[in-house]
Amino acid sequence: MPGIREQLAEDMKTAMRGKETERLSTIRMMRSEILNKDKEKGKETSEEDILKLLQSMVKRREDAAEQYDKGGRPELAQKERDEIVIVQAYLPAQMDDAGIRAAAEAVIADLGASSPKDMGKVMGVLSKQLSGQATGGRISQIVKELLNG
């Protein structure tokens, strides 16, 4: 299976041929952010780090869309949401809340966590385990509910 970089390169060519301007500009932006990360690190960014980068791109666009909505600019909010859909296509399928809850319950049982003080330990394990499948905010919310009983 091709990596994210290779997939982006192929999809960029396809978008150019199909004259899909919105998709093309979003793919170029994603590739640019990956290249910037490579330069920052001085080496090629791992697939795992690329997933984190793409998740942060989605998060920034969600925040921007919310701000545009508040500012009465629905057309710009929609543009951000359209970009989110394109970026999410390169992320693993998002886990539903029931799946996150089951994984959290298993980790809590394994660690013997019983109070909100154990939140950090549980989050450390779960964040790695569910990397790319769920946002930190959703994981955190469910773990809090479980530890507060």
C-alpha atoms as a PDB file:
ATOM      1  CA  MET A   1       0.000   0.000   0.000  1.00  0.00           C
ATOM      2  CA  PRO A   2       1.444   3.376  -0.939  1.00  0.00           C
ATOM      3  CA  GLY A   3       2.352   5.827   1.793  1.00  0.00           C
ATOM      4  CA  ILE A   4       0.592   9.127   2.267  1.00  0.00           C
ATOM      5  CA  ARG A   5       3.288  11.025   0.321  1.00  0.00           C
ATOM      6  CA  GLU A   6       2.962   8.751  -2.707  1.00  0.00           C
ATOM      7  CA  GLN A   7      -0.831   8.861  -2.527  1.00  0.00           C
ATOM      8  CA  LEU A   8      -0.763  12.679  -2.422  1.00  0.00           C
ATOM      9  CA  ALA A   9       1.555  12.803  -5.449  1.00  0.00           C
ATOM     10  CA  GLU A  10      -0.745  10.503  -7.443  1.00  0.00           C
ATOM     11  CA  ASP A  11      -3.887  12.347  -6.379  1.00  0.00           C
ATOM     12  CA  MET A  12      -2.287  15.674  -7.262  1.00  0.00           C
ATOM     13  CA  LYS A  13      -1.686  14.471 -10.826  1.00  0.00           C
ATOM     14  CA  THR A  14      -5.265  13.194 -11.043  1.00  0.00           C
ATOM     15  CA  ALA A  15      -6.651  16.493  -9.726  1.00  0.00           C
ATOM     16  CA  MET A  16      -4.551  18.426 -12.278  1.00  0.00           C
ATOM     17  CA  ARG A  17      -5.795  16.286 -15.151  1.00  0.00           C
ATOM     18  CA  GLY A  18      -9.378  16.592 -13.938  1.00  0.00           C
ATOM     19  CA  LYS A  19      -9.015  20.346 -13.358  1.00  0.00           C
ATOM     20  CA  GLU A  20     -10.277  19.935  -9.772  1.00  0.00           C
ATOM     21  CA  THR A  21      -8.967  23.275  -8.487  1.00  0.00           C
ATOM     22  CA  GLU A  22     -10.243  23.010  -4.890  1.00  0.00           C
ATOM     23  CA  ARG A  23      -8.852  19.506  -4.428  1.00  0.00           C
ATOM     24  CA  LEU A  24      -5.573  20.414  -6.140  1.00  0.00           C
ATOM     25  CA  SER A  25      -4.937  23.447  -3.926  1.00  0.00           C
ATOM     26  CA  THR A  26      -5.710  21.442  -0.767  1.00  0.00           C
ATOM     27  CA  ILE A  27      -3.376  18.601  -1.804  1.00  0.00           C
ATOM     28  CA  ARG A  28      -0.623  21.115  -2.608  1.00  0.00           C
ATOM     29  CA  MET A  29      -1.113  22.694   0.811  1.00  0.00           C
ATOM     30  CA  MET A  30      -0.856  19.268   2.506  1.00  0.00           C
ATOM     31  CA  ARG A  31       2.328  18.408   0.583  1.00  0.00           C
ATOM     32  CA  SER A  32       3.776  21.802   1.457  1.00  0.00           C
ATOM     33  CA  GLU A  33       3.156  21.285   5.174  1.00  0.00           C
ATOM     34  CA  ILE A  34       4.785  17.842   4.998  1.00  0.00           C
ATOM     35  CA  LEU A  35       7.840  19.296   3.222  1.00  0.00           C
ATOM     36  CA  ASN A  36       8.087  22.072   5.822  1.00  0.00           C
ATOM     37  CA  LYS A  37       8.014  19.415   8.550  1.00  0.00           C
ATOM     38  CA  ASP A  38      10.806  17.522   6.733  1.00  0.00           C
ATOM     39  CA  LYS A  39      12.948  20.657   6.610  1.00  0.00           C
ATOM     40  CA  GLU A  40      12.228  21.418  10.257  1.00  0.00           C
ATOM     41  CA  LYS A  41      13.359  17.933  11.305  1.00  0.00           C
ATOM     42  CA  GLY A  42      16.201  17.720   8.809  1.00  0.00           C
ATOM     43  CA  LYS A  43      14.965  14.304   7.682  1.00  0.00           C
ATOM     44  CA  GLU A  44      11.923  12.685   6.130  1.00  0.00           C
ATOM     45  CA  THR A  45       8.847  12.829   8.365  1.00  0.00           C
ATOM     46  CA  SER A  46       7.416   9.441   9.418  1.00  0.00           C
ATOM     47  CA  GLU A  47       3.936   8.301   8.379  1.00  0.00           C
ATOM     48  CA  GLU A  48       2.814   8.573  12.026  1.00  0.00           C
ATOM     49  CA  ASP A  49       3.976  12.208  12.203  1.00  0.00           C
ATOM     50  CA  ILE A  50       2.299  12.932   8.863  1.00  0.00           C
ATOM     51  CA  LEU A  51      -0.983  11.610  10.321  1.00  0.00           C
ATOM     52  CA  LYS A  52      -0.570  13.936  13.312  1.00  0.00           C
ATOM     53  CA  LEU A  53       0.150  16.827  10.949  1.00  0.00           C
ATOM     54  CA  LEU A  54      -2.984  16.083   8.908  1.00  0.00           C
ATOM     55  CA  GLN A  55      -5.062  15.868  12.094  1.00  0.00           C
ATOM     56  CA  SER A  56      -3.794  19.263  13.188  1.00  0.00           C
ATOM     57  CA  MET A  57      -4.695  20.643   9.747  1.00  0.00           C
ATOM     58  CA  VAL A  58      -8.258  19.357  10.224  1.00  0.00           C
ATOM     59  CA  LYS A  59      -8.415  20.889  13.703  1.00  0.00           C
ATOM     60  CA  ARG A  60      -7.195  24.288  12.428  1.00  0.00           C
ATOM     61  CA  ARG A  61      -9.789  24.244   9.674  1.00  0.00           C
ATOM     62  CA  GLU A  62     -12.580  23.330  12.099  1.00  0.00           C
ATOM     63  CA  ASP A  63     -11.550  26.256  14.316  1.00  0.00           C
ATOM     64  CA  ALA A  64     -11.353  28.596  11.326  1.00  0.00           C
ATOM     65  CA  ALA A  65     -14.769  27.509  10.030  1.00  0.00           C
ATOM     66  CA  GLU A  66     -16.249  28.195  13.466  1.00  0.00           C
ATOM     67  CA  GLN A  67     -14.682  31.674  13.499  1.00  0.00           C
ATOM     68  CA  TYR A  68     -15.968  32.412   9.999  1.00  0.00           C
ATOM     69  CA  ASP A  69     -19.472  31.332  11.049  1.00  0.00           C
ATOM     70  CA  LYS A  70     -19.321  33.665  14.051  1.00  0.00           C
ATOM     71  CA  GLY A  71     -18.055  36.453  11.807  1.00  0.00           C
ATOM     72  CA  GLY A  72     -20.931  36.023   9.356  1.00  0.00           C
ATOM     73  CA  ARG A  73     -18.803  34.630   6.511  1.00  0.00           C
ATOM     74  CA  PRO A  74     -20.558  31.352   5.606  1.00  0.00           C
ATOM     75  CA  GLU A  75     -18.808  31.086   2.211  1.00  0.00           C
ATOM     76  CA  LEU A  76     -15.359  31.044   3.877  1.00  0.00           C
ATOM     77  CA  ALA A  77     -16.597  28.621   6.546  1.00  0.00           C
ATOM     78  CA  GLN A  78     -17.812  26.301   3.768  1.00  0.00           C
ATOM     79  CA  LYS A  79     -14.421  26.498   2.007  1.00  0.00           C
ATOM     80  CA  GLU A  80     -12.727  25.366   5.241  1.00  0.00           C
ATOM     81  CA  ARG A  81     -15.217  22.499   5.630  1.00  0.00           C
ATOM     82  CA  ASP A  82     -14.623  21.419   2.031  1.00  0.00           C
ATOM     83  CA  GLU A  83     -10.876  21.294   2.760  1.00  0.00           C
ATOM     84  CA  ILE A  84     -11.539  19.236   5.908  1.00  0.00           C
ATOM     85  CA  VAL A  85     -13.300  16.565   3.807  1.00  0.00           C
ATOM     86  CA  ILE A  86     -10.330  16.369   1.428  1.00  0.00           C
ATOM     87  CA  VAL A  87      -7.736  16.148   4.242  1.00  0.00           C
ATOM     88  CA  GLN A  88      -9.768  13.550   6.166  1.00  0.00           C
ATOM     89  CA  ALA A  89      -9.684  11.253   3.136  1.00  0.00           C
ATOM     90  CA  TYR A  90      -5.987  10.653   3.950  1.00  0.00           C
ATOM     91  CA  LEU A  91      -6.609   9.844   7.611  1.00  0.00           C
ATOM     92  CA  PRO A  92      -7.610   6.423   8.921  1.00  0.00           C
ATOM     93  CA  ALA A  93     -11.328   5.996   9.545  1.00  0.00           C
ATOM     94  CA  GLN A  94     -12.334   7.811  12.716  1.00  0.00           C
ATOM     95  CA  MET A  95     -13.330   5.598  15.616  1.00  0.00           C
ATOM     96  CA  ASP A  96     -16.802   6.127  17.058  1.00  0.00           C
ATOM     97  CA  ASP A  97     -17.371   7.032  20.723  1.00  0.00           C
ATOM     98  CA  ALA A  98     -18.290   3.440  21.630  1.00  0.00           C
ATOM     99  CA  GLY A  99     -14.964   2.209  20.240  1.00  0.00           C
ATOM    100  CA  ILE A 100     -13.023   4.907  22.089  1.00  0.00           C
ATOM    101  CA  ARG A 101     -14.913   4.078  25.303  1.00  0.00           C
ATOM    102  CA  ALA A 102     -14.108   0.341  24.945  1.00  0.00           C
ATOM    103  CA  ALA A 103     -10.409   1.067  24.345  1.00  0.00           C
ATOM    104  CA  ALA A 104     -10.362   3.506  27.284  1.00  0.00           C
ATOM    105  CA  GLU A 105     -12.027   0.994  29.612  1.00  0.00           C
ATOM    106  CA  ALA A 106      -9.435  -1.634  28.643  1.00  0.00           C
ATOM    107  CA  VAL A 107      -6.513   0.730  29.286  1.00  0.00           C
ATOM    108  CA  ILE A 108      -8.011   1.904  32.594  1.00  0.00           C
ATOM    109  CA  ALA A 109      -8.371  -1.733  33.690  1.00  0.00           C
ATOM    110  CA  ASP A 110      -4.799  -2.592  32.553  1.00  0.00           C
ATOM    111  CA  LEU A 111      -3.294   0.365  34.435  1.00  0.00           C
ATOM    112  CA  GLY A 112      -5.557  -0.031  37.454  1.00  0.00           C
ATOM    113  CA  ALA A 113      -6.521   3.644  37.072  1.00  0.00           C
ATOM    114  CA  SER A 114      -9.284   4.704  39.444  1.00  0.00           C
ATOM    115  CA  SER A 115      -9.341   8.473  39.804  1.00  0.00           C
ATOM    116  CA  PRO A 116      -8.953  11.650  37.726  1.00  0.00           C
ATOM    117  CA  LYS A 117      -5.344  11.791  39.001  1.00  0.00           C
ATOM    118  CA  ASP A 118      -4.577   8.846  36.689  1.00  0.00           C
ATOM    119  CA  MET A 119      -5.775  10.784  33.623  1.00  0.00           C
ATOM    120  CA  GLY A 120      -2.234  11.501  32.361  1.00  0.00           C
ATOM    121  CA  LYS A 121      -1.164   7.844  32.416  1.00  0.00           C
ATOM    122  CA  VAL A 122      -4.331   6.694  30.654  1.00  0.00           C
ATOM    123  CA  MET A 123      -4.133   9.471  28.033  1.00  0.00           C
ATOM    124  CA  GLY A 124      -0.471   8.675  27.322  1.00  0.00           C
ATOM    125  CA  VAL A 125      -1.278   5.075  26.427  1.00  0.00           C
ATOM    126  CA  LEU A 126      -4.561   5.790  24.610  1.00  0.00           C
ATOM    127  CA  SER A 127      -3.160   8.646  22.517  1.00  0.00           C
ATOM    128  CA  LYS A 128      -0.530   6.318  21.064  1.00  0.00           C
ATOM    129  CA  GLN A 129      -2.992   3.449  20.657  1.00  0.00           C
ATOM    130  CA  LEU A 130      -5.656   5.507  18.869  1.00  0.00           C
ATOM    131  CA  SER A 131      -3.288   7.766  16.929  1.00  0.00           C
ATOM    132  CA  GLY A 132      -5.022   8.982  13.776  1.00  0.00           C
ATOM    133  CA  GLN A 133      -8.297   7.271  14.683  1.00  0.00           C
ATOM    134  CA  ALA A 134      -9.630   9.809  17.184  1.00  0.00           C
ATOM    135  CA  THR A 135      -8.829  13.336  18.291  1.00  0.00           C
ATOM    136  CA  GLY A 136      -7.214  14.009  21.636  1.00  0.00           C
ATOM    137  CA  GLY A 137     -10.236  16.058  22.684  1.00  0.00           C
ATOM    138  CA  ARG A 138     -12.686  13.200  22.139  1.00  0.00           C
ATOM    139  CA  ILE A 139     -10.400  10.708  23.896  1.00  0.00           C
ATOM    140  CA  SER A 140      -9.888  13.078  26.816  1.00  0.00           C
ATOM    141  CA  GLN A 141     -13.615  13.724  27.221  1.00  0.00           C
ATOM    142  CA  ILE A 142     -14.424   9.994  27.395  1.00  0.00           C
ATOM    143  CA  VAL A 143     -11.541   9.202  29.769  1.00  0.00           C
ATOM    144  CA  LYS A 144     -12.682  12.028  32.076  1.00  0.00           C
ATOM    145  CA  GLU A 145     -16.225  10.624  32.139  1.00  0.00           C
ATOM    146  CA  LEU A 146     -14.929   7.132  32.946  1.00  0.00           C
ATOM    147  CA  LEU A 147     -12.512   8.240  35.679  1.00  0.00           C
ATOM    148  CA  ASN A 148     -15.027  10.554  37.334  1.00  0.00           C
ATOM    149  CA  GLY A 149     -17.453   7.636  37.377  1.00  0.00           C
END
